[in-house]
């Protein structure tokens, strides 16, 4: 899955990830940057992962939604002048400074419950692209 290569890219750029949830159209992280800024690292992550995911969609012979997905990515790219051909991720990041353990706990709960609220799973730990899942291949710095 392209996300895993993108996570390796994040690790190489010095992003320390404590909690995460990769949703179909967006990503939630509790993280900090060792070097540089979180915004620059996220820009690189979004660029790399979008290219890899779109490539997978284009090259996968059994992707039944290929034409529709590519049409939608092009449609949203045309709405923003600085996009090349496709828009996969949301344009902006929305960083929030977590100043206390209470805030961290609240945001962790929110992140973990995102796939439940979206109707993808019944329990947070069942979603494989989340730090709530103890068996995820993506590891955090907890």
N, C-alpha and C. Protein backbone atom coordinates (compact mmCIF):
# COMPACT_ATOMS: atom_id res chain seq x y z
N UNK A 1 0.84 -1.18 0.00
CA UNK A 1 0.00 0.00 0.00
C UNK A 1 0.89 1.24 0.00
N UNK A 2 0.58 2.23 -0.80
CA UNK A 2 1.41 3.42 -0.91
C UNK A 2 1.59 4.19 0.38
N UNK A 3 0.64 4.08 1.31
CA UNK A 3 0.77 4.81 2.57
C UNK A 3 2.04 4.43 3.30
N UNK A 4 2.43 3.16 3.24
CA UNK A 4 3.56 2.71 4.02
C UNK A 4 4.86 3.34 3.53
N UNK A 5 5.03 3.49 2.22
CA UNK A 5 6.19 4.20 1.69
C UNK A 5 6.18 5.66 2.10
N UNK A 6 5.00 6.25 2.13
CA UNK A 6 4.88 7.65 2.54
C UNK A 6 5.20 7.80 4.02
N UNK A 7 4.85 6.81 4.83
CA UNK A 7 5.18 6.88 6.25
C UNK A 7 6.69 6.78 6.43
N UNK A 8 7.36 5.97 5.63
CA UNK A 8 8.82 5.91 5.69
C UNK A 8 9.41 7.27 5.32
N UNK A 9 8.81 7.96 4.36
CA UNK A 9 9.26 9.29 3.98
C UNK A 9 9.11 10.24 5.17
N UNK A 10 8.00 10.17 5.88
CA UNK A 10 7.80 11.01 7.07
C UNK A 10 8.88 10.72 8.10
N UNK A 11 9.19 9.46 8.32
CA UNK A 11 10.21 9.09 9.30
C UNK A 11 11.56 9.67 8.91
N UNK A 12 11.91 9.59 7.63
CA UNK A 12 13.18 10.14 7.16
C UNK A 12 13.24 11.65 7.29
N UNK A 13 12.10 12.33 7.23
CA UNK A 13 12.05 13.79 7.34
C UNK A 13 12.06 14.25 8.79
N UNK A 14 11.97 13.34 9.73
CA UNK A 14 12.04 13.71 11.14
C UNK A 14 10.72 14.02 11.81
N UNK A 15 9.64 13.42 11.34
CA UNK A 15 8.36 13.61 11.99
C UNK A 15 8.16 12.49 13.00
N UNK A 16 7.89 12.85 14.23
CA UNK A 16 7.62 11.87 15.28
C UNK A 16 6.10 11.75 15.38
N UNK A 17 5.58 10.57 15.09
CA UNK A 17 4.13 10.34 15.10
C UNK A 17 3.75 9.58 16.36
N UNK A 18 2.83 10.17 17.12
CA UNK A 18 2.35 9.54 18.35
C UNK A 18 1.03 8.82 18.13
N UNK A 19 0.13 9.43 17.39
CA UNK A 19 -1.16 8.82 17.06
C UNK A 19 -1.51 9.19 15.63
N UNK A 20 -2.27 8.32 14.96
CA UNK A 20 -2.66 8.60 13.57
C UNK A 20 -3.94 7.87 13.22
N UNK A 21 -4.58 8.36 12.19
CA UNK A 21 -5.70 7.67 11.56
C UNK A 21 -5.74 8.13 10.11
N UNK A 22 -5.55 7.20 9.19
CA UNK A 22 -5.58 7.49 7.76
C UNK A 22 -6.98 7.15 7.25
N UNK A 23 -7.73 8.18 6.95
CA UNK A 23 -9.09 8.02 6.43
C UNK A 23 -9.04 8.02 4.90
N UNK A 24 -10.13 7.64 4.24
CA UNK A 24 -10.11 7.62 2.77
C UNK A 24 -9.80 8.97 2.12
N UNK A 25 -10.16 10.07 2.77
CA UNK A 25 -9.93 11.38 2.14
C UNK A 25 -9.10 12.34 2.97
N UNK A 26 -8.70 11.93 4.16
CA UNK A 26 -7.90 12.82 4.99
C UNK A 26 -7.12 12.02 6.03
N UNK A 27 -6.28 12.73 6.74
CA UNK A 27 -5.36 12.10 7.68
C UNK A 27 -5.38 12.88 8.98
N UNK A 28 -5.37 12.18 10.10
CA UNK A 28 -5.24 12.81 11.41
C UNK A 28 -3.94 12.33 12.04
N UNK A 29 -3.20 13.26 12.64
CA UNK A 29 -1.95 12.93 13.32
C UNK A 29 -1.84 13.70 14.62
N UNK A 30 -1.25 13.06 15.61
CA UNK A 30 -0.67 13.76 16.74
C UNK A 30 0.82 13.53 16.58
N UNK A 31 1.54 14.61 16.35
CA UNK A 31 2.95 14.47 15.96
C UNK A 31 3.74 15.72 16.35
N UNK A 32 5.05 15.61 16.18
CA UNK A 32 5.94 16.76 16.30
C UNK A 32 7.09 16.57 15.33
N UNK A 33 7.72 17.66 14.97
CA UNK A 33 8.83 17.61 14.02
C UNK A 33 10.15 17.71 14.77
N UNK A 34 11.08 16.79 14.47
CA UNK A 34 12.43 16.88 15.04
C UNK A 34 13.18 18.04 14.40
N UNK A 35 13.06 18.12 13.08
CA UNK A 35 13.73 19.17 12.31
C UNK A 35 12.71 19.81 11.39
N UNK A 36 12.82 21.09 11.16
CA UNK A 36 11.90 21.75 10.24
C UNK A 36 10.54 21.94 10.86
N UNK A 37 9.54 22.05 9.99
CA UNK A 37 8.18 22.28 10.48
C UNK A 37 7.27 21.14 10.05
N UNK A 38 6.24 20.92 10.83
CA UNK A 38 5.26 19.89 10.52
C UNK A 38 4.62 20.19 9.16
N UNK A 39 4.35 21.47 8.89
CA UNK A 39 3.71 21.85 7.62
C UNK A 39 4.51 21.42 6.41
N UNK A 40 5.82 21.62 6.44
CA UNK A 40 6.67 21.22 5.30
C UNK A 40 6.71 19.70 5.14
N UNK A 41 6.78 19.00 6.25
CA UNK A 41 6.81 17.54 6.19
C UNK A 41 5.47 17.01 5.65
N UNK A 42 4.37 17.58 6.12
CA UNK A 42 3.05 17.15 5.64
C UNK A 42 2.88 17.45 4.16
N UNK A 43 3.39 18.58 3.71
CA UNK A 43 3.32 18.91 2.27
C UNK A 43 4.01 17.81 1.47
N UNK A 44 5.20 17.41 1.89
CA UNK A 44 5.94 16.36 1.18
C UNK A 44 5.22 15.02 1.26
N UNK A 45 4.67 14.70 2.44
CA UNK A 45 3.93 13.45 2.60
C UNK A 45 2.73 13.41 1.66
N UNK A 46 1.96 14.49 1.65
CA UNK A 46 0.76 14.53 0.83
C UNK A 46 1.10 14.44 -0.65
N UNK A 47 2.16 15.11 -1.07
CA UNK A 47 2.58 15.06 -2.47
C UNK A 47 2.99 13.64 -2.86
N UNK A 48 3.87 13.05 -2.06
CA UNK A 48 4.37 11.71 -2.36
C UNK A 48 3.25 10.67 -2.34
N UNK A 49 2.45 10.67 -1.26
CA UNK A 49 1.42 9.64 -1.14
C UNK A 49 0.34 9.80 -2.21
N UNK A 50 -0.02 11.03 -2.55
CA UNK A 50 -1.03 11.24 -3.60
C UNK A 50 -0.55 10.67 -4.93
N UNK A 51 0.71 10.94 -5.28
CA UNK A 51 1.26 10.41 -6.54
C UNK A 51 1.24 8.89 -6.54
N UNK A 52 1.61 8.29 -5.41
CA UNK A 52 1.66 6.83 -5.34
C UNK A 52 0.26 6.22 -5.40
N UNK A 53 -0.68 6.82 -4.71
CA UNK A 53 -2.05 6.28 -4.71
C UNK A 53 -2.68 6.42 -6.08
N UNK A 54 -2.51 7.57 -6.71
CA UNK A 54 -3.07 7.77 -8.06
C UNK A 54 -2.44 6.80 -9.05
N UNK A 55 -1.15 6.57 -8.92
CA UNK A 55 -0.47 5.60 -9.78
C UNK A 55 -1.08 4.20 -9.58
N UNK A 56 -1.31 3.82 -8.32
CA UNK A 56 -1.94 2.53 -8.03
C UNK A 56 -3.32 2.43 -8.67
N UNK A 57 -4.10 3.49 -8.56
CA UNK A 57 -5.44 3.50 -9.16
C UNK A 57 -5.35 3.36 -10.68
N UNK A 58 -4.45 4.11 -11.30
CA UNK A 58 -4.31 4.08 -12.76
C UNK A 58 -3.85 2.73 -13.26
N UNK A 59 -2.98 2.06 -12.51
CA UNK A 59 -2.37 0.82 -12.98
C UNK A 59 -3.08 -0.45 -12.51
N UNK A 60 -4.02 -0.34 -11.60
CA UNK A 60 -4.69 -1.52 -11.07
C UNK A 60 -5.78 -1.97 -12.05
N UNK A 61 -5.63 -3.16 -12.65
CA UNK A 61 -6.57 -3.59 -13.68
C UNK A 61 -7.98 -3.87 -13.16
N UNK A 62 -8.13 -4.12 -11.88
CA UNK A 62 -9.45 -4.47 -11.34
C UNK A 62 -10.10 -3.33 -10.57
N UNK A 63 -9.55 -2.13 -10.63
CA UNK A 63 -10.15 -0.99 -9.94
C UNK A 63 -11.38 -0.54 -10.71
N UNK A 64 -12.55 -0.91 -10.21
CA UNK A 64 -13.80 -0.64 -10.92
C UNK A 64 -14.18 0.84 -10.91
N UNK A 65 -13.64 1.59 -9.97
CA UNK A 65 -14.00 3.01 -9.87
C UNK A 65 -12.94 3.92 -10.50
N UNK A 66 -12.03 3.36 -11.26
CA UNK A 66 -10.88 4.10 -11.80
C UNK A 66 -11.30 5.39 -12.51
N UNK A 67 -12.18 5.29 -13.47
CA UNK A 67 -12.56 6.48 -14.26
C UNK A 67 -13.21 7.54 -13.38
N UNK A 68 -14.09 7.11 -12.49
CA UNK A 68 -14.78 8.06 -11.61
C UNK A 68 -13.79 8.73 -10.66
N UNK A 69 -12.90 7.95 -10.04
CA UNK A 69 -11.91 8.52 -9.12
C UNK A 69 -11.02 9.53 -9.81
N UNK A 70 -10.49 9.17 -10.97
CA UNK A 70 -9.61 10.08 -11.70
C UNK A 70 -10.36 11.34 -12.14
N UNK A 71 -11.62 11.16 -12.55
CA UNK A 71 -12.44 12.33 -12.91
C UNK A 71 -12.57 13.27 -11.72
N UNK A 72 -12.87 12.73 -10.54
CA UNK A 72 -13.04 13.56 -9.34
C UNK A 72 -11.73 14.24 -8.94
N UNK A 73 -10.61 13.52 -9.02
CA UNK A 73 -9.32 14.13 -8.68
C UNK A 73 -8.99 15.27 -9.64
N UNK A 74 -9.32 15.10 -10.92
CA UNK A 74 -9.10 16.17 -11.91
C UNK A 74 -10.04 17.35 -11.64
N UNK A 75 -11.29 17.05 -11.34
CA UNK A 75 -12.28 18.09 -11.06
C UNK A 75 -11.80 19.00 -9.94
N UNK A 76 -11.34 18.41 -8.84
CA UNK A 76 -10.89 19.22 -7.71
C UNK A 76 -9.55 19.90 -7.98
N UNK A 77 -8.73 19.29 -8.81
CA UNK A 77 -7.47 19.95 -9.19
C UNK A 77 -7.74 21.22 -9.97
N UNK A 78 -8.75 21.20 -10.82
CA UNK A 78 -9.08 22.38 -11.63
C UNK A 78 -9.60 23.54 -10.80
N UNK A 79 -10.00 23.29 -9.58
CA UNK A 79 -10.51 24.34 -8.71
C UNK A 79 -9.39 25.09 -7.99
N UNK A 80 -8.16 24.58 -8.09
CA UNK A 80 -7.02 25.21 -7.42
C UNK A 80 -5.90 25.41 -8.44
N UNK A 81 -5.48 26.63 -8.59
CA UNK A 81 -4.52 26.96 -9.65
C UNK A 81 -3.15 26.33 -9.46
N UNK A 82 -2.76 25.99 -8.24
CA UNK A 82 -1.42 25.45 -8.04
C UNK A 82 -1.36 23.92 -8.11
N UNK A 83 -2.43 23.28 -8.48
CA UNK A 83 -2.41 21.83 -8.70
C UNK A 83 -1.99 21.52 -10.13
N UNK A 84 -1.30 20.42 -10.28
CA UNK A 84 -0.91 20.00 -11.62
C UNK A 84 -2.09 19.34 -12.32
N UNK A 85 -2.29 18.06 -12.05
CA UNK A 85 -3.35 17.33 -12.75
C UNK A 85 -4.42 16.80 -11.80
N UNK A 86 -4.02 16.40 -10.61
CA UNK A 86 -4.95 15.76 -9.68
C UNK A 86 -4.91 16.43 -8.30
N UNK A 87 -6.04 16.40 -7.62
CA UNK A 87 -6.14 16.83 -6.21
C UNK A 87 -6.59 15.62 -5.43
N UNK A 88 -5.72 15.07 -4.61
CA UNK A 88 -6.09 13.90 -3.82
C UNK A 88 -6.44 14.30 -2.39
N UNK A 89 -5.52 14.97 -1.71
CA UNK A 89 -5.72 15.39 -0.32
C UNK A 89 -6.37 16.76 -0.26
N UNK A 90 -6.92 17.09 0.89
CA UNK A 90 -7.41 18.44 1.14
C UNK A 90 -6.25 19.41 0.99
N UNK A 91 -6.53 20.63 0.56
CA UNK A 91 -5.49 21.62 0.32
C UNK A 91 -4.71 21.99 1.57
N UNK A 92 -5.39 22.21 2.65
CA UNK A 92 -4.74 22.80 3.83
C UNK A 92 -4.57 21.80 4.95
N UNK A 93 -3.63 22.13 5.83
CA UNK A 93 -3.48 21.42 7.09
C UNK A 93 -4.13 22.28 8.16
N UNK A 94 -4.55 21.65 9.22
CA UNK A 94 -5.18 22.39 10.31
C UNK A 94 -4.49 22.02 11.63
N UNK A 95 -3.24 22.48 11.81
CA UNK A 95 -2.52 22.10 13.03
C UNK A 95 -3.13 22.76 14.27
N UNK A 96 -3.15 22.00 15.33
CA UNK A 96 -3.62 22.49 16.63
C UNK A 96 -2.52 22.18 17.63
N UNK A 97 -2.10 23.17 18.38
CA UNK A 97 -1.09 22.96 19.41
C UNK A 97 -1.75 22.29 20.61
N UNK A 98 -1.22 21.16 21.02
CA UNK A 98 -1.78 20.42 22.15
C UNK A 98 -0.97 20.77 23.40
N UNK A 99 -1.55 21.58 24.24
CA UNK A 99 -0.84 22.16 25.38
C UNK A 99 -0.92 21.35 26.67
N UNK A 100 -1.82 20.39 26.74
CA UNK A 100 -1.98 19.65 28.00
C UNK A 100 -2.30 18.19 27.70
N UNK A 101 -2.12 17.35 28.72
CA UNK A 101 -2.45 15.93 28.57
C UNK A 101 -3.94 15.75 28.31
N UNK A 102 -4.77 16.62 28.88
CA UNK A 102 -6.21 16.55 28.65
C UNK A 102 -6.52 16.75 27.16
N UNK A 103 -5.90 17.75 26.54
CA UNK A 103 -6.10 18.01 25.11
C UNK A 103 -5.62 16.81 24.29
N UNK A 104 -4.47 16.28 24.64
CA UNK A 104 -3.92 15.14 23.91
C UNK A 104 -4.88 13.95 24.00
N UNK A 105 -5.40 13.68 25.20
CA UNK A 105 -6.35 12.58 25.37
C UNK A 105 -7.62 12.80 24.56
N UNK A 106 -8.14 14.04 24.57
CA UNK A 106 -9.35 14.35 23.80
C UNK A 106 -9.13 14.17 22.31
N UNK A 107 -8.00 14.66 21.81
CA UNK A 107 -7.72 14.56 20.37
C UNK A 107 -7.43 13.12 19.97
N UNK A 108 -6.78 12.35 20.84
CA UNK A 108 -6.55 10.93 20.56
C UNK A 108 -7.89 10.21 20.43
N UNK A 109 -8.79 10.47 21.35
CA UNK A 109 -10.13 9.87 21.30
C UNK A 109 -10.84 10.25 20.00
N UNK A 110 -10.76 11.52 19.63
CA UNK A 110 -11.39 12.00 18.39
C UNK A 110 -10.80 11.28 17.17
N UNK A 111 -9.47 11.21 17.11
CA UNK A 111 -8.79 10.57 15.99
C UNK A 111 -9.18 9.09 15.90
N UNK A 112 -9.13 8.40 17.02
CA UNK A 112 -9.43 6.98 17.02
C UNK A 112 -10.87 6.69 16.63
N UNK A 113 -11.79 7.58 16.98
CA UNK A 113 -13.21 7.35 16.69
C UNK A 113 -13.64 7.83 15.31
N UNK A 114 -12.76 8.45 14.56
CA UNK A 114 -13.11 8.95 13.23
C UNK A 114 -13.66 7.85 12.31
N UNK A 115 -13.03 6.68 12.20
CA UNK A 115 -13.58 5.64 11.33
C UNK A 115 -14.90 5.06 11.85
N UNK A 116 -15.12 5.12 13.16
CA UNK A 116 -16.39 4.66 13.72
C UNK A 116 -17.50 5.64 13.32
N UNK A 117 -17.25 6.93 13.48
CA UNK A 117 -18.24 7.94 13.11
C UNK A 117 -18.53 7.91 11.61
N UNK A 118 -17.53 7.55 10.81
CA UNK A 118 -17.72 7.46 9.36
C UNK A 118 -18.44 6.17 8.94
N UNK A 119 -18.67 5.27 9.89
CA UNK A 119 -19.37 4.03 9.59
C UNK A 119 -18.50 2.96 8.94
N UNK A 120 -17.19 3.11 9.04
CA UNK A 120 -16.28 2.14 8.42
C UNK A 120 -16.11 0.91 9.30
N UNK A 121 -16.03 1.11 10.61
CA UNK A 121 -15.88 0.02 11.57
C UNK A 121 -16.79 0.29 12.77
N UNK A 122 -16.98 -0.74 13.59
CA UNK A 122 -17.80 -0.58 14.80
C UNK A 122 -16.97 -0.17 16.01
N UNK A 123 -15.70 -0.52 16.01
CA UNK A 123 -14.81 -0.22 17.14
C UNK A 123 -13.52 0.37 16.59
N UNK A 124 -12.94 1.38 17.27
CA UNK A 124 -11.72 2.03 16.77
C UNK A 124 -10.57 1.06 16.51
N UNK A 125 -10.41 0.06 17.37
CA UNK A 125 -9.28 -0.86 17.24
C UNK A 125 -9.42 -1.79 16.04
N UNK A 126 -10.58 -1.80 15.38
CA UNK A 126 -10.77 -2.64 14.19
C UNK A 126 -10.29 -1.97 12.91
N UNK A 127 -9.99 -0.68 12.96
CA UNK A 127 -9.57 0.04 11.75
C UNK A 127 -8.06 -0.11 11.57
N UNK A 128 -7.65 -0.75 10.49
CA UNK A 128 -6.23 -1.11 10.34
C UNK A 128 -5.32 0.08 10.07
N UNK A 129 -5.86 1.21 9.62
CA UNK A 129 -5.02 2.37 9.33
C UNK A 129 -5.08 3.38 10.47
N UNK A 130 -5.03 2.88 11.69
CA UNK A 130 -5.13 3.73 12.88
C UNK A 130 -4.20 3.21 13.97
N UNK A 131 -3.68 4.14 14.74
CA UNK A 131 -2.86 3.74 15.89
C UNK A 131 -3.71 3.09 16.98
N UNK A 132 -5.03 3.16 16.87
CA UNK A 132 -5.91 2.46 17.81
C UNK A 132 -5.84 0.95 17.62
N UNK A 133 -5.45 0.51 16.43
CA UNK A 133 -5.36 -0.92 16.11
C UNK A 133 -4.01 -1.45 16.58
N UNK A 134 -4.01 -2.37 17.54
CA UNK A 134 -2.73 -2.87 18.06
C UNK A 134 -1.93 -3.69 17.05
N UNK A 135 -2.56 -4.09 15.95
CA UNK A 135 -1.88 -4.93 14.96
C UNK A 135 -1.48 -4.18 13.70
N UNK A 136 -1.65 -2.86 13.68
CA UNK A 136 -1.30 -2.09 12.49
C UNK A 136 0.19 -2.23 12.18
N UNK A 137 0.50 -2.24 10.90
CA UNK A 137 1.90 -2.31 10.48
C UNK A 137 2.61 -0.97 10.66
N UNK A 138 1.84 0.09 10.82
CA UNK A 138 2.41 1.42 11.01
C UNK A 138 2.65 1.62 12.50
N UNK A 139 3.87 1.91 12.87
CA UNK A 139 4.21 2.04 14.28
C UNK A 139 4.35 3.50 14.67
N UNK A 140 4.03 3.77 15.94
CA UNK A 140 4.11 5.13 16.46
C UNK A 140 5.25 5.23 17.47
N UNK A 141 5.47 6.44 17.94
CA UNK A 141 6.52 6.71 18.93
C UNK A 141 5.95 6.79 20.34
N UNK A 142 4.84 6.11 20.57
CA UNK A 142 4.23 6.12 21.91
C UNK A 142 5.15 5.51 22.91
